[in-house]
Amino acid sequence: MTDRLAPLAQTDPTIHALIRREVERQEHGLELIASENFCSV
């Protein structure tokens, strides 16, 4: 991923940093979504 973003790092370092952080979050984070399940009786 870093190689593809290299031109962006030179053009817009702020956006580059945001994208890198988001990629890291998606690759290394776990998101749990609360839901309710009902069984029919």
C-alpha atoms as a PDB file:
ATOM      1  CA  MET A   1       0.000   0.000   0.000  1.00  0.00           C
ATOM      2  CA  THR A   2       2.831   2.375   0.808  1.00  0.00           C
ATOM      3  CA  ASP A   3       4.247   2.256  -2.728  1.00  0.00           C
ATOM      4  CA  ARG A   4       0.909   3.172  -4.290  1.00  0.00           C
ATOM      5  CA  LEU A   5       0.514   6.119  -1.931  1.00  0.00           C
ATOM      6  CA  ALA A   6       4.032   7.503  -2.429  1.00  0.00           C
ATOM      7  CA  PRO A   7       2.989  10.166  -4.995  1.00  0.00           C
ATOM      8  CA  LEU A   8       0.150  11.261  -2.711  1.00  0.00           C
ATOM      9  CA  ALA A   9       2.584  11.668   0.190  1.00  0.00           C
ATOM     10  CA  GLN A  10       4.460  14.261  -1.833  1.00  0.00           C
ATOM     11  CA  THR A  11       1.361  15.993  -3.192  1.00  0.00           C
ATOM     12  CA  ASP A  12      -0.817  16.069  -0.057  1.00  0.00           C
ATOM     13  CA  PRO A  13       0.817  14.752   3.120  1.00  0.00           C
ATOM     14  CA  THR A  14      -2.312  15.350   5.220  1.00  0.00           C
ATOM     15  CA  ILE A  15      -4.570  13.193   3.044  1.00  0.00           C
ATOM     16  CA  HIS A  16      -1.809  10.594   2.784  1.00  0.00           C
ATOM     17  CA  ALA A  17      -1.614  10.341   6.579  1.00  0.00           C
ATOM     18  CA  LEU A  18      -5.402  10.048   6.899  1.00  0.00           C
ATOM     19  CA  ILE A  19      -5.573   7.258   4.317  1.00  0.00           C
ATOM     20  CA  ARG A  20      -2.680   5.408   5.948  1.00  0.00           C
ATOM     21  CA  ARG A  21      -4.386   5.611   9.346  1.00  0.00           C
ATOM     22  CA  GLU A  22      -7.672   4.343   7.908  1.00  0.00           C
ATOM     23  CA  VAL A  23      -5.950   1.412   6.181  1.00  0.00           C
ATOM     24  CA  GLU A  24      -4.206   0.506   9.456  1.00  0.00           C
ATOM     25  CA  ARG A  25      -7.519   0.711  11.329  1.00  0.00           C
ATOM     26  CA  GLN A  26      -9.238  -1.594   8.849  1.00  0.00           C
ATOM     27  CA  GLU A  27      -6.384  -4.105   8.766  1.00  0.00           C
ATOM     28  CA  HIS A  28      -5.696  -4.292  12.509  1.00  0.00           C
ATOM     29  CA  GLY A  29      -8.956  -3.319  14.174  1.00  0.00           C
ATOM     30  CA  LEU A  30     -12.038  -5.286  15.092  1.00  0.00           C
ATOM     31  CA  GLU A  31     -15.444  -3.635  15.000  1.00  0.00           C
ATOM     32  CA  LEU A  32     -18.359  -5.256  16.764  1.00  0.00           C
ATOM     33  CA  ILE A  33     -21.899  -4.297  15.860  1.00  0.00           C
ATOM     34  CA  ALA A  34     -24.555  -4.856  18.488  1.00  0.00           C
ATOM     35  CA  SER A  35     -27.700  -6.534  17.228  1.00  0.00           C
ATOM     36  CA  GLU A  36     -30.753  -8.264  18.618  1.00  0.00           C
ATOM     37  CA  ASN A  37     -31.727 -11.759  17.591  1.00  0.00           C
ATOM     38  CA  PHE A  38     -35.126 -13.224  18.359  1.00  0.00           C
ATOM     39  CA  CYS A  39     -36.013 -16.884  17.978  1.00  0.00           C
ATOM     40  CA  SER A  40     -39.502 -17.680  16.795  1.00  0.00           C
ATOM     41  CA  VAL A  41     -41.492 -19.817  19.222  1.00  0.00           C
END
